[in-house]
Amino acid sequence: MAAFGLRGTDTPNQVALKRGSSSGLSLIGAHLYEDNVVHAEASRLPGFDAIAPDVTGRAVFERAGERLVIYTANKLPLEHMLGVDLIYINETRGNIVMVQYKMLEEVKSECGGRDWIFRPNRQLHQEISRMRLPEFAGSPRDYRLNKSPFFFKFVKRKVVDDSHQAFLISLDHLSQILADPTTKGARNGVRVSYDALDGTYLREADMLSLIRSGYVGTHRDETEALATIVAGAAKGNRAMVLAWQRRVQDGRNANMIGGEPA
């Protein structure tokens, strides 16, 4: 579509699909699904060249001396271990950032206004409960604005205009929202939306800049240890995933990072 000067909001005159089949064409002018968004973003990175895409959920990108590895955790052992969909490992700066995706639903008000809302559910709380890393005992070799690697990316369910389609907030920010009684909506439920956040969020380009600069995410020593564990879990080592979950749940943080994971 971009090659012909078309926008994401343009709709085709005809779309022909085999009955019962699945195709990206069915998403044009229709609803987006979290799984499709995750896999699409794991395979592309603006300004970088993919040098080693891997069908098992790992892609390596390089650009002018920078090297970034992206793991797809969605529906795989890594998500069960860490509660995230994508894992970014910046090998140049030595930081790891992990992102969980959530879809925003369109809501129209009686006065004609429009907002995009996500209402926290049980699944969200289960994912948050897995977003824990054992305490790191080493001394940091580099500065981090925020050493927590966990972020949430909220994506509009439907592409309706050319405005930005997603925003990101940290786990810490989301936790504050969930705990704040003033964030409750008309039905006494917490909601995350453009209007509710009033611009206090990161856009996609902002987040990529923070990842590339190494300004957020794990410290280098922690990254080196964690990257080994991530690689092992990505290969299907369920014994490692189980050991990780038990260590975190039991509160045994010694030796998990930089030690024997299983």
C-alpha atoms as a PDB file:
ATOM      1  CA  MET A   1       0.000   0.000   0.000  1.00  0.00           C
ATOM      2  CA  ALA A   2       2.850   2.377   0.857  1.00  0.00           C
ATOM      3  CA  ALA A   3       4.513   1.634  -2.498  1.00  0.00           C
ATOM      4  CA  PHE A   4       1.448   2.964  -4.310  1.00  0.00           C
ATOM      5  CA  GLY A   5       1.076   6.020  -2.087  1.00  0.00           C
ATOM      6  CA  LEU A   6      -1.883   4.594  -0.176  1.00  0.00           C
ATOM      7  CA  ARG A   7      -2.528   5.201   3.517  1.00  0.00           C
ATOM      8  CA  GLY A   8      -3.370   2.617   6.126  1.00  0.00           C
ATOM      9  CA  THR A   9      -6.912   3.971   6.273  1.00  0.00           C
ATOM     10  CA  ASP A  10      -7.573   3.500   2.543  1.00  0.00           C
ATOM     11  CA  THR A  11      -9.869   0.574   1.767  1.00  0.00           C
ATOM     12  CA  PRO A  12      -9.781  -1.618  -1.359  1.00  0.00           C
ATOM     13  CA  ASN A  13     -12.644  -1.987  -3.816  1.00  0.00           C
ATOM     14  CA  GLN A  14     -12.477  -5.764  -3.467  1.00  0.00           C
ATOM     15  CA  VAL A  15     -10.940  -8.255  -1.050  1.00  0.00           C
ATOM     16  CA  ALA A  16     -11.062 -11.935  -2.027  1.00  0.00           C
ATOM     17  CA  LEU A  17     -10.253 -14.549   0.599  1.00  0.00           C
ATOM     18  CA  LYS A  18     -10.555 -18.313   0.566  1.00  0.00           C
ATOM     19  CA  ARG A  19     -13.358 -19.396   2.875  1.00  0.00           C
ATOM     20  CA  GLY A  20     -12.048 -20.182   6.335  1.00  0.00           C
ATOM     21  CA  SER A  21      -8.537 -18.930   5.564  1.00  0.00           C
ATOM     22  CA  SER A  22      -6.509 -16.352   7.455  1.00  0.00           C
ATOM     23  CA  SER A  23      -4.824 -13.424   5.733  1.00  0.00           C
ATOM     24  CA  GLY A  24      -3.471  -9.993   6.588  1.00  0.00           C
ATOM     25  CA  LEU A  25      -5.778  -8.650   3.868  1.00  0.00           C
ATOM     26  CA  SER A  26      -8.731  -9.294   6.153  1.00  0.00           C
ATOM     27  CA  LEU A  27      -7.363  -6.643   8.524  1.00  0.00           C
ATOM     28  CA  ILE A  28      -7.669  -3.795   6.008  1.00  0.00           C
ATOM     29  CA  GLY A  29     -10.360  -1.463   7.277  1.00  0.00           C
ATOM     30  CA  ALA A  30     -11.253  -3.998   9.944  1.00  0.00           C
ATOM     31  CA  HIS A  31     -10.152  -4.924  13.451  1.00  0.00           C
ATOM     32  CA  LEU A  32      -6.565  -5.614  14.462  1.00  0.00           C
ATOM     33  CA  TYR A  33      -5.691  -8.507  16.712  1.00  0.00           C
ATOM     34  CA  GLU A  34      -3.002  -8.473  19.378  1.00  0.00           C
ATOM     35  CA  ASP A  35      -1.189 -11.543  18.025  1.00  0.00           C
ATOM     36  CA  ASN A  36      -0.912 -10.029  14.542  1.00  0.00           C
ATOM     37  CA  VAL A  37       0.398  -6.721  15.902  1.00  0.00           C
ATOM     38  CA  VAL A  38       3.025  -8.463  18.042  1.00  0.00           C
ATOM     39  CA  HIS A  39       4.369 -10.622  15.210  1.00  0.00           C
ATOM     40  CA  ALA A  40       4.425  -7.711  12.776  1.00  0.00           C
ATOM     41  CA  GLU A  41       6.429  -5.507  15.131  1.00  0.00           C
ATOM     42  CA  ALA A  42       8.849  -8.303  15.978  1.00  0.00           C
ATOM     43  CA  SER A  43       9.872  -8.515  12.314  1.00  0.00           C
ATOM     44  CA  ARG A  44      10.488  -4.844  11.540  1.00  0.00           C
ATOM     45  CA  LEU A  45      12.457  -1.988  13.041  1.00  0.00           C
ATOM     46  CA  PRO A  46      12.488   1.440  11.367  1.00  0.00           C
ATOM     47  CA  GLY A  47      15.922   2.277   9.970  1.00  0.00           C
ATOM     48  CA  PHE A  48      17.440  -1.148  10.685  1.00  0.00           C
ATOM     49  CA  ASP A  49      18.159  -4.149   8.463  1.00  0.00           C
ATOM     50  CA  ALA A  50      17.049  -7.606   9.540  1.00  0.00           C
ATOM     51  CA  ILE A  51      20.085  -9.883   9.217  1.00  0.00           C
ATOM     52  CA  ALA A  52      18.866 -13.045  10.938  1.00  0.00           C
ATOM     53  CA  PRO A  53      15.095 -13.516  11.132  1.00  0.00           C
ATOM     54  CA  ASP A  54      14.149 -16.718  12.912  1.00  0.00           C
ATOM     55  CA  VAL A  55      10.815 -18.515  12.655  1.00  0.00           C
ATOM     56  CA  THR A  56      11.164 -19.597  16.282  1.00  0.00           C
ATOM     57  CA  GLY A  57      10.620 -16.030  17.435  1.00  0.00           C
ATOM     58  CA  ARG A  58      14.019 -14.321  17.269  1.00  0.00           C
ATOM     59  CA  ALA A  59      15.131 -11.566  14.905  1.00  0.00           C
ATOM     60  CA  VAL A  60      18.494  -9.769  14.798  1.00  0.00           C
ATOM     61  CA  PHE A  61      18.780  -6.224  13.449  1.00  0.00           C
ATOM     62  CA  GLU A  62      21.909  -4.216  12.664  1.00  0.00           C
ATOM     63  CA  ARG A  63      22.603  -0.628  11.642  1.00  0.00           C
ATOM     64  CA  ALA A  64      25.891   1.278  11.577  1.00  0.00           C
ATOM     65  CA  GLY A  65      27.460  -0.580  14.476  1.00  0.00           C
ATOM     66  CA  GLU A  66      24.223  -1.010  16.467  1.00  0.00           C
ATOM     67  CA  ARG A  67      22.851  -4.483  17.110  1.00  0.00           C
ATOM     68  CA  LEU A  68      19.376  -5.212  18.474  1.00  0.00           C
ATOM     69  CA  VAL A  69      17.772  -8.615  19.069  1.00  0.00           C
ATOM     70  CA  ILE A  70      13.991  -9.018  19.350  1.00  0.00           C
ATOM     71  CA  TYR A  71      12.379 -12.134  20.819  1.00  0.00           C
ATOM     72  CA  THR A  72       8.698 -12.916  20.307  1.00  0.00           C
ATOM     73  CA  ALA A  73       7.385 -14.185  23.633  1.00  0.00           C
ATOM     74  CA  ASN A  74       3.668 -14.118  22.788  1.00  0.00           C
ATOM     75  CA  LYS A  75       1.978 -17.470  23.547  1.00  0.00           C
ATOM     76  CA  LEU A  76       5.396 -19.041  24.128  1.00  0.00           C
ATOM     77  CA  PRO A  77       7.248 -20.160  27.299  1.00  0.00           C
ATOM     78  CA  LEU A  78       8.842 -16.723  27.592  1.00  0.00           C
ATOM     79  CA  GLU A  79       5.440 -15.089  28.101  1.00  0.00           C
ATOM     80  CA  HIS A  80       4.566 -17.621  30.800  1.00  0.00           C
ATOM     81  CA  MET A  81       7.854 -16.819  32.510  1.00  0.00           C
ATOM     82  CA  LEU A  82       7.904 -13.021  32.216  1.00  0.00           C
ATOM     83  CA  GLY A  83       4.354 -11.946  31.271  1.00  0.00           C
ATOM     84  CA  VAL A  84       5.438 -10.064  28.121  1.00  0.00           C
ATOM     85  CA  ASP A  85       4.984 -10.305  24.346  1.00  0.00           C
ATOM     86  CA  LEU A  86       8.230  -8.829  22.961  1.00  0.00           C
ATOM     87  CA  ILE A  87      11.724  -8.690  24.433  1.00  0.00           C
ATOM     88  CA  TYR A  88      14.239  -6.164  23.071  1.00  0.00           C
ATOM     89  CA  ILE A  89      17.910  -6.873  23.774  1.00  0.00           C
ATOM     90  CA  ASN A  90      20.191  -3.979  22.859  1.00  0.00           C
ATOM     91  CA  GLU A  91      23.568  -5.686  22.615  1.00  0.00           C
ATOM     92  CA  THR A  92      25.325  -2.388  21.906  1.00  0.00           C
ATOM     93  CA  ARG A  93      24.162  -0.549  25.053  1.00  0.00           C
ATOM     94  CA  GLY A  94      23.627  -3.649  27.181  1.00  0.00           C
ATOM     95  CA  ASN A  95      19.978  -3.148  28.133  1.00  0.00           C
ATOM     96  CA  ILE A  96      16.829  -5.262  27.911  1.00  0.00           C
ATOM     97  CA  VAL A  97      13.304  -3.866  27.557  1.00  0.00           C
ATOM     98  CA  MET A  98      10.174  -6.040  27.634  1.00  0.00           C
ATOM     99  CA  VAL A  99       6.775  -5.042  26.255  1.00  0.00           C
ATOM    100  CA  GLN A 100       3.282  -6.432  26.806  1.00  0.00           C
ATOM    101  CA  TYR A 101       0.662  -5.474  24.202  1.00  0.00           C
ATOM    102  CA  LYS A 102      -2.954  -4.535  24.885  1.00  0.00           C
ATOM    103  CA  MET A 103      -5.666  -3.514  22.434  1.00  0.00           C
ATOM    104  CA  LEU A 104      -7.656  -0.283  22.817  1.00  0.00           C
ATOM    105  CA  GLU A 105     -11.373  -0.344  22.023  1.00  0.00           C
ATOM    106  CA  GLU A 106     -13.089   2.640  20.433  1.00  0.00           C
ATOM    107  CA  VAL A 107     -15.693   4.398  22.579  1.00  0.00           C
ATOM    108  CA  LYS A 108     -17.901   7.247  21.334  1.00  0.00           C
ATOM    109  CA  SER A 109     -19.630   9.666  23.671  1.00  0.00           C
ATOM    110  CA  GLU A 110     -23.128  11.073  23.282  1.00  0.00           C
ATOM    111  CA  CYS A 111     -21.688  14.469  22.361  1.00  0.00           C
ATOM    112  CA  GLY A 112     -19.751  12.991  19.438  1.00  0.00           C
ATOM    113  CA  GLY A 113     -16.341  12.708  21.106  1.00  0.00           C
ATOM    114  CA  ARG A 114     -14.202   9.625  20.708  1.00  0.00           C
ATOM    115  CA  ASP A 115     -11.667   7.889  22.926  1.00  0.00           C
ATOM    116  CA  TRP A 116      -9.762   4.598  22.866  1.00  0.00           C
ATOM    117  CA  ILE A 117     -10.005   2.602  26.091  1.00  0.00           C
ATOM    118  CA  PHE A 118      -8.514  -0.483  27.713  1.00  0.00           C
ATOM    119  CA  ARG A 119     -10.263  -1.829  30.794  1.00  0.00           C
ATOM    120  CA  PRO A 120      -7.965  -3.875  33.059  1.00  0.00           C
ATOM    121  CA  ASN A 121      -9.028  -7.488  33.471  1.00  0.00           C
ATOM    122  CA  ARG A 122      -7.922 -10.633  35.257  1.00  0.00           C
ATOM    123  CA  GLN A 123      -5.462 -11.530  32.504  1.00  0.00           C
ATOM    124  CA  LEU A 124      -3.669  -8.206  32.965  1.00  0.00           C
ATOM    125  CA  HIS A 125      -3.198  -8.808  36.682  1.00  0.00           C
ATOM    126  CA  GLN A 126      -1.873 -12.312  35.991  1.00  0.00           C
ATOM    127  CA  GLU A 127       0.658 -10.905  33.540  1.00  0.00           C
ATOM    128  CA  ILE A 128       1.760  -8.223  35.988  1.00  0.00           C
ATOM    129  CA  SER A 129       2.293 -10.879  38.670  1.00  0.00           C
ATOM    130  CA  ARG A 130       4.887 -12.503  36.379  1.00  0.00           C
ATOM    131  CA  MET A 131       6.739  -9.245  35.677  1.00  0.00           C
ATOM    132  CA  ARG A 132       9.296  -9.700  38.406  1.00  0.00           C
ATOM    133  CA  LEU A 133      13.044 -10.167  38.270  1.00  0.00           C
ATOM    134  CA  PRO A 134      15.213 -11.405  41.121  1.00  0.00           C
ATOM    135  CA  GLU A 135      17.172  -8.652  42.848  1.00  0.00           C
ATOM    136  CA  PHE A 136      20.441  -7.978  41.074  1.00  0.00           C
ATOM    137  CA  ALA A 137      23.416  -7.936  43.460  1.00  0.00           C
ATOM    138  CA  GLY A 138      26.051  -6.691  41.008  1.00  0.00           C
ATOM    139  CA  SER A 139      27.174  -3.075  40.675  1.00  0.00           C
ATOM    140  CA  PRO A 140      25.764  -1.217  37.632  1.00  0.00           C
ATOM    141  CA  ARG A 141      28.288  -0.180  35.003  1.00  0.00           C
ATOM    142  CA  ASP A 142      25.947   2.192  33.235  1.00  0.00           C
ATOM    143  CA  TYR A 143      23.239   4.762  33.915  1.00  0.00           C
ATOM    144  CA  ARG A 144      19.527   3.996  33.550  1.00  0.00           C
ATOM    145  CA  LEU A 145      16.693   6.474  33.791  1.00  0.00           C
ATOM    146  CA  ASN A 146      14.498   3.536  34.792  1.00  0.00           C
ATOM    147  CA  LYS A 147      16.076   0.129  35.347  1.00  0.00           C
ATOM    148  CA  SER A 148      12.759  -1.752  35.218  1.00  0.00           C
ATOM    149  CA  PRO A 149      12.487  -3.385  31.789  1.00  0.00           C
ATOM    150  CA  PHE A 150       8.696  -3.761  31.767  1.00  0.00           C
ATOM    151  CA  PHE A 151       6.427  -1.583  29.603  1.00  0.00           C
ATOM    152  CA  PHE A 152       2.912  -1.796  28.189  1.00  0.00           C
ATOM    153  CA  LYS A 153       2.005  -0.827  24.645  1.00  0.00           C
ATOM    154  CA  PHE A 154      -1.653   0.050  23.992  1.00  0.00           C
ATOM    155  CA  VAL A 155      -2.696  -0.209  20.339  1.00  0.00           C
ATOM    156  CA  LYS A 156      -5.911   0.988  18.703  1.00  0.00           C
ATOM    157  CA  ARG A 157      -8.008  -1.990  17.677  1.00  0.00           C
ATOM    158  CA  LYS A 158      -8.914  -0.350  14.382  1.00  0.00           C
ATOM    159  CA  VAL A 159      -6.996   1.960  12.060  1.00  0.00           C
ATOM    160  CA  VAL A 160      -9.359   4.884  11.500  1.00  0.00           C
ATOM    161  CA  ASP A 161      -7.112   7.872  10.736  1.00  0.00           C
ATOM    162  CA  ASP A 162      -3.488   8.887  10.332  1.00  0.00           C
ATOM    163  CA  SER A 163      -2.951   9.908  13.966  1.00  0.00           C
ATOM    164  CA  HIS A 164      -0.585   7.842  16.119  1.00  0.00           C
ATOM    165  CA  GLN A 165      -2.057   4.417  16.674  1.00  0.00           C
ATOM    166  CA  ALA A 166      -0.440   3.461  19.980  1.00  0.00           C
ATOM    167  CA  PHE A 167       1.133   4.699  23.196  1.00  0.00           C
ATOM    168  CA  LEU A 168       3.368   3.141  25.846  1.00  0.00           C
ATOM    169  CA  ILE A 169       3.580   3.456  29.620  1.00  0.00           C
ATOM    170  CA  SER A 170       5.850   1.801  32.171  1.00  0.00           C
ATOM    171  CA  LEU A 171       4.772  -0.928  34.565  1.00  0.00           C
ATOM    172  CA  ASP A 172       5.338   1.518  37.419  1.00  0.00           C
ATOM    173  CA  HIS A 173       3.006   4.071  35.805  1.00  0.00           C
ATOM    174  CA  LEU A 174       0.326   1.453  35.149  1.00  0.00           C
ATOM    175  CA  SER A 175       0.585   0.212  38.744  1.00  0.00           C
ATOM    176  CA  GLN A 176      -0.064   3.762  39.986  1.00  0.00           C
ATOM    177  CA  ILE A 177      -3.112   4.027  37.731  1.00  0.00           C
ATOM    178  CA  LEU A 178      -4.539   0.732  39.002  1.00  0.00           C
ATOM    179  CA  ALA A 179      -4.047   1.788  42.632  1.00  0.00           C
ATOM    180  CA  ASP A 180      -5.415   5.339  42.268  1.00  0.00           C
ATOM    181  CA  PRO A 181      -9.152   5.623  43.133  1.00  0.00           C
ATOM    182  CA  THR A 182      -9.443   8.835  41.093  1.00  0.00           C
ATOM    183  CA  THR A 183      -8.818   6.896  37.869  1.00  0.00           C
ATOM    184  CA  LYS A 184     -12.092   5.002  38.137  1.00  0.00           C
ATOM    185  CA  GLY A 185     -14.654   5.625  35.424  1.00  0.00           C
ATOM    186  CA  ALA A 186     -18.416   6.108  35.543  1.00  0.00           C
ATOM    187  CA  ARG A 187     -19.018   2.404  36.258  1.00  0.00           C
ATOM    188  CA  ASN A 188     -16.424   2.348  39.053  1.00  0.00           C
ATOM    189  CA  GLY A 189     -13.934   0.586  36.800  1.00  0.00           C
ATOM    190  CA  VAL A 190     -10.359   1.635  36.078  1.00  0.00           C
ATOM    191  CA  ARG A 191      -9.637   2.550  32.496  1.00  0.00           C
ATOM    192  CA  VAL A 192      -6.519   3.335  30.481  1.00  0.00           C
ATOM    193  CA  SER A 193      -7.119   5.692  27.571  1.00  0.00           C
ATOM    194  CA  TYR A 194      -5.830   8.695  25.645  1.00  0.00           C
ATOM    195  CA  ASP A 195      -8.195  11.029  27.491  1.00  0.00           C
ATOM    196  CA  ALA A 196      -7.453   9.545  30.918  1.00  0.00           C
ATOM    197  CA  LEU A 197      -3.676   9.850  30.453  1.00  0.00           C
ATOM    198  CA  ASP A 198      -3.947  13.341  28.926  1.00  0.00           C
ATOM    199  CA  GLY A 199      -0.702  13.024  26.998  1.00  0.00           C
ATOM    200  CA  THR A 200       1.343  11.481  29.820  1.00  0.00           C
ATOM    201  CA  TYR A 201       2.728   8.561  27.836  1.00  0.00           C
ATOM    202  CA  LEU A 202       5.430   7.610  25.341  1.00  0.00           C
ATOM    203  CA  ARG A 203       4.859   7.389  21.619  1.00  0.00           C
ATOM    204  CA  GLU A 204       6.435   4.635  19.544  1.00  0.00           C
ATOM    205  CA  ALA A 205       9.342   6.768  18.298  1.00  0.00           C
ATOM    206  CA  ASP A 206      10.037   7.951  21.861  1.00  0.00           C
ATOM    207  CA  MET A 207      10.250   4.384  23.119  1.00  0.00           C
ATOM    208  CA  LEU A 208      12.555   3.212  20.338  1.00  0.00           C
ATOM    209  CA  SER A 209      14.887   6.126  21.072  1.00  0.00           C
ATOM    210  CA  LEU A 210      15.032   5.179  24.765  1.00  0.00           C
ATOM    211  CA  ILE A 211      15.761   1.542  23.906  1.00  0.00           C
ATOM    212  CA  ARG A 212      18.484   2.467  21.417  1.00  0.00           C
ATOM    213  CA  SER A 213      20.156   4.928  23.775  1.00  0.00           C
ATOM    214  CA  GLY A 214      20.182   2.442  26.646  1.00  0.00           C
ATOM    215  CA  TYR A 215      18.436   4.987  28.852  1.00  0.00           C
ATOM    216  CA  VAL A 216      15.851   2.471  30.097  1.00  0.00           C
ATOM    217  CA  GLY A 217      15.935  -1.227  30.889  1.00  0.00           C
ATOM    218  CA  THR A 218      18.256  -3.580  32.722  1.00  0.00           C
ATOM    219  CA  HIS A 219      21.898  -2.774  33.460  1.00  0.00           C
ATOM    220  CA  ARG A 220      24.633  -4.368  31.352  1.00  0.00           C
ATOM    221  CA  ASP A 221      25.711  -7.043  33.860  1.00  0.00           C
ATOM    222  CA  GLU A 222      22.112  -8.035  34.517  1.00  0.00           C
ATOM    223  CA  THR A 223      21.416  -8.047  30.770  1.00  0.00           C
ATOM    224  CA  GLU A 224      24.263 -10.451  30.072  1.00  0.00           C
ATOM    225  CA  ALA A 225      22.907 -12.960  32.578  1.00  0.00           C
ATOM    226  CA  LEU A 226      19.258 -12.480  31.661  1.00  0.00           C
ATOM    227  CA  ALA A 227      19.929 -12.757  27.909  1.00  0.00           C
ATOM    228  CA  THR A 228      21.281 -16.277  28.439  1.00  0.00           C
ATOM    229  CA  ILE A 229      18.131 -17.274  30.288  1.00  0.00           C
ATOM    230  CA  VAL A 230      15.887 -15.671  27.643  1.00  0.00           C
ATOM    231  CA  ALA A 231      17.706 -17.514  24.858  1.00  0.00           C
ATOM    232  CA  GLY A 232      17.312 -20.822  26.665  1.00  0.00           C
ATOM    233  CA  ALA A 233      13.591 -20.331  27.323  1.00  0.00           C
ATOM    234  CA  ALA A 234      13.049 -19.229  23.702  1.00  0.00           C
ATOM    235  CA  LYS A 235      14.404 -22.601  22.580  1.00  0.00           C
ATOM    236  CA  GLY A 236      11.668 -24.329  24.544  1.00  0.00           C
ATOM    237  CA  ASN A 237      13.506 -25.171  27.759  1.00  0.00           C
ATOM    238  CA  ARG A 238      10.431 -25.529  29.957  1.00  0.00           C
ATOM    239  CA  ALA A 239      12.479 -26.804  32.882  1.00  0.00           C
ATOM    240  CA  MET A 240      14.166 -23.417  32.925  1.00  0.00           C
ATOM    241  CA  VAL A 241      10.810 -21.605  32.799  1.00  0.00           C
ATOM    242  CA  LEU A 242       9.456 -23.684  35.665  1.00  0.00           C
ATOM    243  CA  ALA A 243      12.566 -23.090  37.768  1.00  0.00           C
ATOM    244  CA  TRP A 244      12.331 -19.343  37.073  1.00  0.00           C
ATOM    245  CA  GLN A 245       8.691 -19.179  38.137  1.00  0.00           C
ATOM    246  CA  ARG A 246       9.311 -21.171  41.287  1.00  0.00           C
ATOM    247  CA  ARG A 247      12.293 -19.048  42.277  1.00  0.00           C
ATOM    248  CA  VAL A 248      10.349 -15.813  41.803  1.00  0.00           C
ATOM    249  CA  GLN A 249       7.203 -17.062  43.509  1.00  0.00           C
ATOM    250  CA  ASP A 250       9.141 -18.486  46.438  1.00  0.00           C
ATOM    251  CA  GLY A 251      11.144 -15.302  46.818  1.00  0.00           C
ATOM    252  CA  ARG A 252      14.458 -17.084  46.377  1.00  0.00           C
ATOM    253  CA  ASN A 253      16.465 -14.548  44.435  1.00  0.00           C
ATOM    254  CA  ALA A 254      19.975 -15.792  45.123  1.00  0.00           C
ATOM    255  CA  ASN A 255      21.814 -17.373  42.182  1.00  0.00           C
ATOM    256  CA  MET A 256      18.933 -16.956  39.738  1.00  0.00           C
ATOM    257  CA  ILE A 257      20.670 -14.174  37.858  1.00  0.00           C
ATOM    258  CA  GLY A 258      24.119 -15.219  36.843  1.00  0.00           C
ATOM    259  CA  GLY A 259      23.721 -18.612  38.512  1.00  0.00           C
ATOM    260  CA  GLU A 260      22.171 -21.945  37.633  1.00  0.00           C
ATOM    261  CA  PRO A 261      18.565 -21.365  36.461  1.00  0.00           C
ATOM    262  CA  ALA A 262      17.458 -24.974  36.591  1.00  0.00           C
END
